[in-house]
């Protein structure tokens, strides 16, 4: 895992957040326990909101601007990384929103057994939430990027004090 701070400033991040507020297509991710039970929705939380603007073979023409910003963020993070990634190919762009009621579930971004896949989490907003990657908590700091193997279990943490948390999640493939 690699943490890179000060990738972009808050003005850039706020500009993106303002754009994310005006985009349709967000979906609420629900608690797996709620989906598997007859219980009332009031007993469970959401696991965040997601906007997928790109997946291999499915570039959303309505979100070309967001995809361009995601490409720019990925490019700058890889430029600042202490590791060298070659032949980078984007697998997916996810924009995530967490509210105080959001509690992420542990998951892996990709189940591929072979190949080199990395995940990038880029924090856009100030939040007391964060991401648990493996057993380590990474604090949500605006302008911070985190790179890690896409097969490492992780989960997002919604804010407990602040109202919201925005971030970009990118999965990409590369060669050594």
N, C-alpha and C. Protein backbone atom coordinates (compact mmCIF):
# COMPACT_ATOMS: atom_id res chain seq x y z
N UNK A 1 0.85 -1.18 0.00
CA UNK A 1 0.00 0.00 0.00
C UNK A 1 0.89 1.24 0.00
N UNK A 2 0.48 2.22 -0.80
CA UNK A 2 1.21 3.48 -0.87
C UNK A 2 0.23 4.63 -0.68
N UNK A 3 0.60 5.58 0.17
CA UNK A 3 -0.21 6.78 0.41
C UNK A 3 0.53 7.97 -0.17
N UNK A 4 -0.19 8.76 -0.97
CA UNK A 4 0.39 9.96 -1.60
C UNK A 4 -0.50 11.14 -1.23
N UNK A 5 0.05 12.13 -0.57
CA UNK A 5 -0.72 13.30 -0.15
C UNK A 5 -0.54 14.46 -1.12
N UNK A 6 -1.48 15.40 -1.05
CA UNK A 6 -1.44 16.65 -1.82
C UNK A 6 -1.39 16.43 -3.32
N UNK A 7 -2.19 15.48 -3.80
CA UNK A 7 -2.24 15.22 -5.24
C UNK A 7 -2.84 16.43 -5.96
N UNK A 8 -3.99 16.89 -5.49
CA UNK A 8 -4.63 18.11 -5.99
C UNK A 8 -5.09 18.92 -4.80
N UNK A 9 -5.29 20.23 -5.00
CA UNK A 9 -5.71 21.10 -3.90
C UNK A 9 -7.23 21.06 -3.71
N UNK A 10 -7.70 21.71 -2.64
CA UNK A 10 -9.12 21.66 -2.30
C UNK A 10 -9.99 22.38 -3.33
N UNK A 11 -9.46 23.39 -3.98
CA UNK A 11 -10.24 24.08 -5.02
C UNK A 11 -10.62 23.09 -6.13
N UNK A 12 -9.66 22.32 -6.58
CA UNK A 12 -9.90 21.29 -7.60
C UNK A 12 -10.94 20.28 -7.09
N UNK A 13 -10.74 19.78 -5.86
CA UNK A 13 -11.66 18.78 -5.29
C UNK A 13 -13.07 19.33 -5.15
N UNK A 14 -13.21 20.59 -4.68
CA UNK A 14 -14.53 21.20 -4.52
C UNK A 14 -15.23 21.34 -5.87
N UNK A 15 -14.48 21.67 -6.91
CA UNK A 15 -15.03 21.78 -8.25
C UNK A 15 -15.63 20.43 -8.69
N UNK A 16 -14.90 19.36 -8.43
CA UNK A 16 -15.40 18.02 -8.76
C UNK A 16 -16.64 17.66 -7.94
N UNK A 17 -16.62 17.95 -6.65
CA UNK A 17 -17.76 17.64 -5.79
C UNK A 17 -19.00 18.37 -6.27
N UNK A 18 -18.85 19.63 -6.64
CA UNK A 18 -20.00 20.40 -7.15
C UNK A 18 -20.57 19.71 -8.40
N UNK A 19 -19.69 19.22 -9.26
CA UNK A 19 -20.15 18.51 -10.45
C UNK A 19 -20.83 17.19 -10.10
N UNK A 20 -20.32 16.49 -9.10
CA UNK A 20 -20.93 15.21 -8.70
C UNK A 20 -22.34 15.38 -8.16
N UNK A 21 -22.61 16.52 -7.50
CA UNK A 21 -23.95 16.79 -6.99
C UNK A 21 -24.98 16.90 -8.11
N UNK A 22 -24.55 17.28 -9.28
CA UNK A 22 -25.50 17.52 -10.37
C UNK A 22 -25.64 16.36 -11.35
N UNK A 23 -24.98 15.24 -11.07
CA UNK A 23 -25.00 14.11 -11.98
C UNK A 23 -26.06 13.10 -11.56
N UNK A 24 -26.83 12.63 -12.53
CA UNK A 24 -27.81 11.59 -12.23
C UNK A 24 -27.15 10.22 -12.41
N UNK A 25 -27.76 9.20 -11.86
CA UNK A 25 -27.26 7.84 -12.02
C UNK A 25 -26.68 7.24 -10.76
N UNK A 26 -26.68 8.00 -9.65
CA UNK A 26 -26.19 7.46 -8.38
C UNK A 26 -27.08 6.31 -7.96
N UNK A 27 -26.46 5.29 -7.36
CA UNK A 27 -27.24 4.17 -6.85
C UNK A 27 -26.86 3.94 -5.39
N UNK A 28 -27.85 3.56 -4.60
CA UNK A 28 -27.62 3.29 -3.19
C UNK A 28 -27.22 1.82 -3.06
N UNK A 29 -26.11 1.59 -2.41
CA UNK A 29 -25.68 0.22 -2.14
C UNK A 29 -26.29 -0.18 -0.81
N UNK A 30 -26.95 -1.32 -0.77
CA UNK A 30 -27.64 -1.71 0.46
C UNK A 30 -26.86 -2.74 1.24
N UNK A 31 -27.20 -2.84 2.50
CA UNK A 31 -26.59 -3.78 3.43
C UNK A 31 -26.95 -5.20 3.02
N UNK A 32 -25.97 -6.08 2.86
CA UNK A 32 -26.23 -7.46 2.43
C UNK A 32 -27.15 -8.19 3.39
N UNK A 33 -27.11 -7.83 4.70
CA UNK A 33 -27.96 -8.50 5.68
C UNK A 33 -29.42 -8.12 5.44
N UNK A 34 -29.66 -6.87 5.04
CA UNK A 34 -31.02 -6.44 4.73
C UNK A 34 -31.55 -7.18 3.51
N UNK A 35 -30.70 -7.34 2.50
CA UNK A 35 -31.11 -8.01 1.27
C UNK A 35 -31.47 -9.46 1.52
N UNK A 36 -30.88 -10.08 2.54
CA UNK A 36 -31.09 -11.50 2.81
C UNK A 36 -32.12 -11.74 3.91
N UNK A 37 -32.86 -10.71 4.32
CA UNK A 37 -33.80 -10.89 5.42
C UNK A 37 -35.14 -10.25 5.12
N UNK A 38 -36.09 -10.47 6.02
CA UNK A 38 -37.41 -9.84 5.92
C UNK A 38 -37.51 -8.66 6.87
N UNK A 39 -36.39 -8.23 7.43
CA UNK A 39 -36.37 -7.17 8.44
C UNK A 39 -36.69 -5.82 7.83
N UNK A 40 -37.07 -4.90 8.69
CA UNK A 40 -37.36 -3.53 8.28
C UNK A 40 -36.08 -2.83 7.85
N UNK A 41 -36.18 -2.00 6.83
CA UNK A 41 -35.01 -1.25 6.34
C UNK A 41 -34.46 -0.33 7.42
N UNK A 42 -35.31 0.12 8.36
CA UNK A 42 -34.87 1.02 9.41
C UNK A 42 -33.84 0.41 10.34
N UNK A 43 -33.69 -0.91 10.31
CA UNK A 43 -32.73 -1.58 11.19
C UNK A 43 -31.33 -1.63 10.59
N UNK A 44 -31.18 -1.24 9.35
CA UNK A 44 -29.90 -1.38 8.67
C UNK A 44 -29.46 -0.06 8.06
N UNK A 45 -28.22 0.00 7.68
CA UNK A 45 -27.68 1.19 7.05
C UNK A 45 -27.46 0.91 5.57
N UNK A 46 -27.18 1.99 4.84
CA UNK A 46 -26.73 1.79 3.47
C UNK A 46 -25.22 1.59 3.52
N UNK A 47 -24.67 1.07 2.46
CA UNK A 47 -23.22 0.87 2.42
C UNK A 47 -22.56 1.90 1.51
N UNK A 48 -23.24 3.01 1.34
CA UNK A 48 -22.72 4.10 0.52
C UNK A 48 -23.48 4.20 -0.79
N UNK A 49 -23.13 5.20 -1.55
CA UNK A 49 -23.74 5.45 -2.85
C UNK A 49 -22.63 5.40 -3.88
N UNK A 50 -22.96 4.92 -5.07
CA UNK A 50 -21.93 4.76 -6.09
C UNK A 50 -22.44 5.27 -7.44
N UNK A 51 -21.54 5.87 -8.17
CA UNK A 51 -21.80 6.31 -9.54
C UNK A 51 -20.69 5.71 -10.40
N UNK A 52 -21.04 4.75 -11.22
CA UNK A 52 -20.05 4.15 -12.13
C UNK A 52 -20.10 4.91 -13.43
N UNK A 53 -18.97 5.52 -13.80
CA UNK A 53 -18.94 6.28 -15.05
C UNK A 53 -18.14 5.58 -16.14
N UNK A 54 -17.41 4.53 -15.75
CA UNK A 54 -16.68 3.76 -16.75
C UNK A 54 -16.45 2.34 -16.24
N UNK A 55 -16.63 1.39 -17.13
CA UNK A 55 -16.21 0.01 -16.91
C UNK A 55 -15.73 -0.48 -18.27
N UNK A 56 -14.80 -1.42 -18.28
CA UNK A 56 -14.25 -1.92 -19.54
C UNK A 56 -15.39 -2.22 -20.50
N UNK A 57 -15.31 -1.65 -21.68
CA UNK A 57 -16.33 -1.87 -22.69
C UNK A 57 -17.61 -1.08 -22.50
N UNK A 58 -17.65 -0.20 -21.49
CA UNK A 58 -18.88 0.54 -21.21
C UNK A 58 -18.55 1.95 -20.74
N UNK A 59 -18.07 2.78 -21.64
CA UNK A 59 -17.79 4.19 -21.30
C UNK A 59 -19.09 4.95 -21.46
N UNK A 60 -19.57 5.52 -20.35
CA UNK A 60 -20.83 6.25 -20.32
C UNK A 60 -20.66 7.59 -21.04
N UNK A 61 -21.33 7.79 -22.19
CA UNK A 61 -21.16 9.04 -22.93
C UNK A 61 -21.70 10.25 -22.17
N UNK A 62 -22.56 10.02 -21.17
CA UNK A 62 -23.12 11.13 -20.39
C UNK A 62 -22.15 11.65 -19.34
N UNK A 63 -21.08 10.92 -19.08
CA UNK A 63 -20.15 11.31 -18.03
C UNK A 63 -18.71 11.44 -18.53
N UNK A 64 -18.56 11.89 -19.76
CA UNK A 64 -17.22 12.04 -20.33
C UNK A 64 -16.36 13.01 -19.53
N UNK A 65 -16.97 14.06 -18.98
CA UNK A 65 -16.20 15.02 -18.20
C UNK A 65 -15.68 14.38 -16.93
N UNK A 66 -16.53 13.65 -16.21
CA UNK A 66 -16.07 12.97 -15.00
C UNK A 66 -14.99 11.94 -15.32
N UNK A 67 -15.14 11.25 -16.43
CA UNK A 67 -14.12 10.27 -16.83
C UNK A 67 -12.79 10.97 -17.14
N UNK A 68 -12.85 12.15 -17.73
CA UNK A 68 -11.62 12.89 -18.02
C UNK A 68 -10.94 13.30 -16.72
N UNK A 69 -11.71 13.73 -15.74
CA UNK A 69 -11.13 14.08 -14.43
C UNK A 69 -10.56 12.84 -13.74
N UNK A 70 -11.26 11.71 -13.83
CA UNK A 70 -10.74 10.47 -13.24
C UNK A 70 -9.42 10.07 -13.91
N UNK A 71 -9.37 10.19 -15.23
CA UNK A 71 -8.12 9.91 -15.97
C UNK A 71 -6.99 10.82 -15.49
N UNK A 72 -7.31 12.12 -15.31
CA UNK A 72 -6.31 13.08 -14.86
C UNK A 72 -5.79 12.73 -13.46
N UNK A 73 -6.71 12.39 -12.55
CA UNK A 73 -6.31 12.01 -11.19
C UNK A 73 -5.42 10.78 -11.23
N UNK A 74 -5.83 9.76 -11.97
CA UNK A 74 -5.03 8.54 -12.08
C UNK A 74 -3.65 8.86 -12.64
N UNK A 75 -3.59 9.64 -13.69
CA UNK A 75 -2.31 9.98 -14.32
C UNK A 75 -1.38 10.69 -13.34
N UNK A 76 -1.91 11.65 -12.59
CA UNK A 76 -1.06 12.39 -11.66
C UNK A 76 -0.61 11.49 -10.50
N UNK A 77 -1.50 10.65 -9.98
CA UNK A 77 -1.13 9.75 -8.89
C UNK A 77 -0.01 8.81 -9.35
N UNK A 78 -0.16 8.24 -10.54
CA UNK A 78 0.88 7.33 -11.04
C UNK A 78 2.20 8.06 -11.27
N UNK A 79 2.12 9.31 -11.67
CA UNK A 79 3.32 10.12 -11.85
C UNK A 79 4.03 10.36 -10.51
N UNK A 80 3.26 10.55 -9.43
CA UNK A 80 3.82 10.83 -8.11
C UNK A 80 4.22 9.56 -7.35
N UNK A 81 3.76 8.42 -7.82
CA UNK A 81 4.02 7.16 -7.12
C UNK A 81 5.50 6.81 -7.13
N UNK A 82 5.95 6.15 -6.06
CA UNK A 82 7.34 5.68 -6.02
C UNK A 82 7.52 4.41 -6.84
N UNK A 83 6.41 3.82 -7.27
CA UNK A 83 6.46 2.62 -8.11
C UNK A 83 6.24 3.00 -9.57
N UNK A 84 6.73 2.17 -10.47
CA UNK A 84 6.52 2.42 -11.90
C UNK A 84 5.49 1.44 -12.43
N UNK A 85 4.39 1.97 -12.91
CA UNK A 85 3.33 1.17 -13.51
C UNK A 85 3.41 1.38 -15.02
N UNK A 86 3.46 0.29 -15.79
CA UNK A 86 3.52 0.42 -17.25
C UNK A 86 2.31 -0.26 -17.87
N UNK A 87 2.01 0.13 -19.10
CA UNK A 87 0.86 -0.41 -19.84
C UNK A 87 -0.41 -0.38 -19.00
N UNK A 88 -0.69 0.77 -18.42
CA UNK A 88 -1.86 0.92 -17.55
C UNK A 88 -3.13 0.93 -18.39
N UNK A 89 -4.09 0.15 -17.93
CA UNK A 89 -5.40 0.06 -18.59
C UNK A 89 -6.48 0.13 -17.52
N UNK A 90 -7.37 1.11 -17.64
CA UNK A 90 -8.43 1.30 -16.65
C UNK A 90 -9.46 0.19 -16.77
N UNK A 91 -9.84 -0.35 -15.64
CA UNK A 91 -10.90 -1.37 -15.56
C UNK A 91 -12.23 -0.72 -15.19
N UNK A 92 -12.17 0.26 -14.24
CA UNK A 92 -13.42 0.84 -13.75
C UNK A 92 -13.17 2.17 -13.05
N UNK A 93 -14.13 3.11 -13.20
CA UNK A 93 -14.19 4.34 -12.41
C UNK A 93 -15.47 4.29 -11.58
N UNK A 94 -15.32 4.38 -10.28
CA UNK A 94 -16.45 4.49 -9.34
C UNK A 94 -16.27 5.79 -8.57
N UNK A 95 -17.32 6.58 -8.47
CA UNK A 95 -17.35 7.73 -7.58
C UNK A 95 -18.21 7.29 -6.40
N UNK A 96 -17.73 7.51 -5.18
CA UNK A 96 -18.45 7.07 -3.99
C UNK A 96 -18.88 8.26 -3.13
N UNK A 97 -20.05 8.10 -2.53
CA UNK A 97 -20.58 9.08 -1.57
C UNK A 97 -21.01 8.31 -0.33
N UNK A 98 -20.55 8.75 0.81
CA UNK A 98 -20.97 8.17 2.08
C UNK A 98 -21.61 9.26 2.93
N UNK A 99 -22.71 8.91 3.58
CA UNK A 99 -23.33 9.80 4.56
C UNK A 99 -23.09 9.22 5.95
N UNK A 100 -23.63 9.87 6.97
CA UNK A 100 -23.45 9.37 8.34
C UNK A 100 -24.05 7.99 8.54
N UNK A 101 -25.06 7.63 7.76
CA UNK A 101 -25.69 6.32 7.93
C UNK A 101 -24.98 5.22 7.13
N UNK A 102 -23.95 5.58 6.38
CA UNK A 102 -23.24 4.60 5.54
C UNK A 102 -22.19 3.84 6.33
N UNK A 103 -22.24 2.52 6.19
CA UNK A 103 -21.21 1.66 6.78
C UNK A 103 -20.79 0.66 5.72
N UNK A 104 -19.61 0.83 5.21
CA UNK A 104 -19.13 -0.03 4.13
C UNK A 104 -18.92 -1.46 4.58
N UNK A 105 -19.10 -2.37 3.65
CA UNK A 105 -18.85 -3.79 3.90
C UNK A 105 -17.49 -4.16 3.34
N UNK A 106 -16.80 -5.05 4.03
CA UNK A 106 -15.50 -5.50 3.52
C UNK A 106 -15.70 -6.23 2.19
N UNK A 107 -14.82 -5.92 1.25
CA UNK A 107 -14.91 -6.52 -0.08
C UNK A 107 -13.54 -6.42 -0.77
N UNK A 108 -13.41 -7.07 -1.88
CA UNK A 108 -12.25 -6.88 -2.75
C UNK A 108 -12.78 -6.24 -4.04
N UNK A 109 -11.96 -5.45 -4.69
CA UNK A 109 -12.40 -4.79 -5.92
C UNK A 109 -12.39 -5.74 -7.11
N UNK A 110 -11.58 -6.78 -7.03
CA UNK A 110 -11.44 -7.70 -8.16
C UNK A 110 -11.07 -9.08 -7.64
N UNK A 111 -11.66 -10.11 -8.24
CA UNK A 111 -11.37 -11.49 -7.82
C UNK A 111 -10.45 -12.23 -8.78
N UNK A 112 -9.84 -11.52 -9.72
CA UNK A 112 -8.94 -12.17 -10.67
C UNK A 112 -7.79 -12.84 -9.93
N UNK A 113 -7.53 -14.09 -10.27
CA UNK A 113 -6.44 -14.83 -9.60
C UNK A 113 -5.06 -14.47 -10.15
N UNK A 114 -5.02 -14.10 -11.43
CA UNK A 114 -3.74 -13.76 -12.05
C UNK A 114 -3.80 -12.35 -12.60
N UNK A 115 -2.65 -11.80 -12.89
CA UNK A 115 -2.58 -10.46 -13.46
C UNK A 115 -2.26 -9.43 -12.39
N UNK A 116 -1.84 -8.28 -12.84
CA UNK A 116 -1.51 -7.17 -11.94
C UNK A 116 -2.64 -6.16 -11.96
N UNK A 117 -3.34 -6.05 -10.85
CA UNK A 117 -4.45 -5.12 -10.72
C UNK A 117 -4.24 -4.28 -9.47
N UNK A 118 -4.45 -3.00 -9.60
CA UNK A 118 -4.32 -2.11 -8.45
C UNK A 118 -5.58 -1.26 -8.33
N UNK A 119 -5.86 -0.85 -7.10
CA UNK A 119 -6.96 0.06 -6.83
C UNK A 119 -6.39 1.38 -6.35
N UNK A 120 -7.03 2.43 -6.77
CA UNK A 120 -6.69 3.79 -6.33
C UNK A 120 -7.92 4.34 -5.62
N UNK A 121 -7.74 4.84 -4.43
CA UNK A 121 -8.78 5.59 -3.73
C UNK A 121 -8.25 7.01 -3.61
N UNK A 122 -9.04 7.97 -4.10
CA UNK A 122 -8.66 9.38 -4.03
C UNK A 122 -9.74 10.13 -3.27
N UNK A 123 -9.36 10.75 -2.15
CA UNK A 123 -10.31 11.45 -1.27
C UNK A 123 -10.52 12.88 -1.75
N UNK A 124 -11.78 13.22 -1.98
CA UNK A 124 -12.13 14.56 -2.46
C UNK A 124 -12.49 15.51 -1.33
N UNK A 125 -13.15 15.00 -0.29
CA UNK A 125 -13.71 15.89 0.73
C UNK A 125 -13.11 15.62 2.11
N UNK A 126 -13.21 16.62 2.96
CA UNK A 126 -12.82 16.50 4.36
C UNK A 126 -13.83 15.59 5.04
N UNK A 127 -13.35 14.64 5.82
CA UNK A 127 -14.26 13.71 6.50
C UNK A 127 -13.51 13.00 7.61
N UNK A 128 -14.26 12.63 8.64
CA UNK A 128 -13.68 11.81 9.70
C UNK A 128 -13.81 10.32 9.37
N UNK A 129 -14.36 10.01 8.20
CA UNK A 129 -14.41 8.62 7.73
C UNK A 129 -13.04 8.22 7.21
N UNK A 130 -12.99 7.12 6.53
CA UNK A 130 -11.73 6.65 5.99
C UNK A 130 -11.92 5.32 5.29
N UNK A 131 -10.84 4.59 5.14
CA UNK A 131 -10.87 3.28 4.49
C UNK A 131 -10.01 2.33 5.31
N UNK A 132 -10.54 1.17 5.60
CA UNK A 132 -9.75 0.12 6.23
C UNK A 132 -9.28 -0.80 5.12
N UNK A 133 -7.96 -0.88 4.96
CA UNK A 133 -7.35 -1.72 3.92
C UNK A 133 -6.56 -2.80 4.64
N UNK A 134 -7.00 -4.04 4.47
CA UNK A 134 -6.42 -5.10 5.29
C UNK A 134 -6.79 -4.84 6.73
N UNK A 135 -5.81 -4.57 7.56
CA UNK A 135 -6.06 -4.26 8.97
C UNK A 135 -5.71 -2.81 9.32
N UNK A 136 -5.34 -2.03 8.31
CA UNK A 136 -4.87 -0.66 8.54
C UNK A 136 -5.93 0.36 8.15
N UNK A 137 -6.19 1.32 9.06
CA UNK A 137 -7.13 2.40 8.75
C UNK A 137 -6.36 3.55 8.09
N UNK A 138 -6.86 3.98 6.95
CA UNK A 138 -6.29 5.14 6.25
C UNK A 138 -7.28 6.28 6.43
N UNK A 139 -6.81 7.38 7.02
CA UNK A 139 -7.67 8.53 7.25
C UNK A 139 -8.02 9.22 5.95
N UNK A 140 -9.25 9.71 5.90
CA UNK A 140 -9.75 10.45 4.75
C UNK A 140 -9.21 11.88 4.82
N UNK A 141 -8.22 12.18 4.00
CA UNK A 141 -7.63 13.52 3.92
C UNK A 141 -7.83 14.01 2.49
N UNK A 142 -8.46 15.17 2.30
CA UNK A 142 -8.66 15.66 0.94
C UNK A 142 -7.34 15.77 0.18
N UNK A 143 -7.35 15.31 -1.06
CA UNK A 143 -6.14 15.34 -1.87
C UNK A 143 -5.23 14.14 -1.67
N UNK A 144 -5.63 13.21 -0.80
CA UNK A 144 -4.83 12.01 -0.53
C UNK A 144 -5.25 10.89 -1.48
N UNK A 145 -4.25 10.18 -1.98
CA UNK A 145 -4.49 9.01 -2.81
C UNK A 145 -3.88 7.79 -2.12
N UNK A 146 -4.54 6.66 -2.27
CA UNK A 146 -4.05 5.40 -1.71
C UNK A 146 -4.04 4.39 -2.85
N UNK A 147 -2.90 3.75 -3.06
CA UNK A 147 -2.76 2.69 -4.06
C UNK A 147 -2.55 1.36 -3.34
N UNK A 148 -3.28 0.32 -3.78
CA UNK A 148 -3.11 -1.01 -3.18
C UNK A 148 -3.58 -2.07 -4.15
N UNK A 149 -3.17 -3.31 -3.91
CA UNK A 149 -3.58 -4.44 -4.74
C UNK A 149 -5.11 -4.59 -4.66
N UNK A 150 -5.77 -4.70 -5.81
CA UNK A 150 -7.23 -4.78 -5.87
C UNK A 150 -7.82 -5.99 -5.17
N UNK A 151 -6.97 -6.97 -4.86
CA UNK A 151 -7.46 -8.20 -4.21
C UNK A 151 -7.36 -8.14 -2.69
N UNK A 152 -6.89 -7.04 -2.14
CA UNK A 152 -6.81 -6.90 -0.68
C UNK A 152 -8.19 -6.49 -0.16
N UNK A 153 -8.71 -7.21 0.84
CA UNK A 153 -10.01 -6.83 1.42
C UNK A 153 -9.92 -5.43 2.05
N UNK A 154 -10.98 -4.65 1.83
CA UNK A 154 -11.04 -3.30 2.37
C UNK A 154 -12.50 -2.88 2.50
N UNK A 155 -12.72 -1.78 3.22
CA UNK A 155 -14.07 -1.24 3.33
C UNK A 155 -14.01 0.24 3.65
N UNK A 156 -15.00 0.95 3.16
CA UNK A 156 -15.10 2.37 3.43
C UNK A 156 -15.82 2.61 4.74
N UNK A 157 -15.47 3.73 5.37
CA UNK A 157 -16.11 4.14 6.62
C UNK A 157 -16.81 5.46 6.39
N UNK A 158 -18.09 5.50 6.67
CA UNK A 158 -18.82 6.75 6.54
C UNK A 158 -18.43 7.72 7.64
N UNK A 159 -18.74 9.00 7.46
CA UNK A 159 -18.42 9.99 8.49
C UNK A 159 -19.31 9.79 9.72
N UNK A 160 -18.80 10.16 10.88
CA UNK A 160 -19.61 10.11 12.09
C UNK A 160 -19.91 11.52 12.60
N UNK A 161 -19.06 12.47 12.25
CA UNK A 161 -19.27 13.86 12.67
C UNK A 161 -19.72 14.70 11.47
N UNK A 162 -18.95 14.66 10.40
CA UNK A 162 -19.30 15.40 9.19
C UNK A 162 -20.52 14.79 8.51
N UNK A 163 -21.05 15.50 7.55
CA UNK A 163 -22.27 15.04 6.89
C UNK A 163 -22.01 14.11 5.72
N UNK A 164 -20.86 14.24 5.07
CA UNK A 164 -20.66 13.49 3.84
C UNK A 164 -19.19 13.20 3.58
N UNK A 165 -18.99 12.30 2.63
CA UNK A 165 -17.64 11.90 2.23
C UNK A 165 -17.69 11.53 0.75
N UNK A 166 -16.86 12.16 -0.07
CA UNK A 166 -16.78 11.87 -1.50
C UNK A 166 -15.40 11.33 -1.83
N UNK A 167 -15.35 10.36 -2.75
CA UNK A 167 -14.07 9.83 -3.20
C UNK A 167 -14.21 9.20 -4.57
N UNK A 168 -13.08 8.99 -5.18
CA UNK A 168 -12.99 8.28 -6.47
C UNK A 168 -12.28 6.96 -6.22
N UNK A 169 -12.81 5.89 -6.80
CA UNK A 169 -12.16 4.58 -6.76
C UNK A 169 -11.90 4.15 -8.20
N UNK A 170 -10.64 3.85 -8.49
CA UNK A 170 -10.24 3.40 -9.82
C UNK A 170 -9.60 2.03 -9.68
N UNK A 171 -9.96 1.13 -10.57
CA UNK A 171 -9.26 -0.15 -10.68
C UNK A 171 -8.53 -0.11 -12.03
N UNK A 172 -7.26 -0.48 -12.00
CA UNK A 172 -6.51 -0.53 -13.25
C UNK A 172 -5.62 -1.75 -13.29
N UNK A 173 -5.32 -2.16 -14.53
CA UNK A 173 -4.41 -3.27 -14.76
C UNK A 173 -3.09 -2.69 -15.28
N UNK A 174 -1.99 -3.36 -14.99
CA UNK A 174 -0.68 -2.88 -15.42
C UNK A 174 0.27 -4.06 -15.60
N UNK A 175 1.42 -3.78 -16.20
CA UNK A 175 2.47 -4.79 -16.29
C UNK A 175 3.64 -4.34 -15.44
N UNK A 176 4.45 -5.31 -15.02
CA UNK A 176 5.61 -5.00 -14.17
C UNK A 176 6.68 -4.28 -14.96
